[in-house]
Amino acid sequence: MIRNLTITPVLNGYIVQAGCQQVVFQSAEQMLGEIGKYLANPSKVEAQYLAAFTSGALVHPNEDSEGLDTQIAEPTNPAPEHSVTSATNPAH
C-alpha cells in the first residue's frame, strides 16, 4: 500500500514524510529517485528503510539490479546525503 507522501522543502534539502516516518534528502534528484523506487515497490522500500531505522543506523542508498539496496553505516561527519530520522519539529 502506498502511503501519503508529504514533501517539505527546508534550507538544505527536503523532508519527505511517508506515514509516520520522515526521510531527509539533500538533493531533489535523490529525493525524486527514492520516491520513484517507493512508488514502484512500496513494500520493499518500506521494509528496507524500517530495517535501517530500527537498527539505529543511517541509510545510504546503493543502486544495484534489485533497486534500492541499503548499506548500514555509523554516523560520520560530514552528514551523508540523506538519513532516516524521527524528528517531529524540523527546523525550517
Foldseek 3Di string as FASTA:
>chain_A
DFFDWDWDADDQFIWIDGPQWIKTARDPVVVVLLVVVCVVPVVVSVVQQVVQVVVVFFWDFDDDPVGTDTDGDHADPPGPRMGIDNDPDDDD
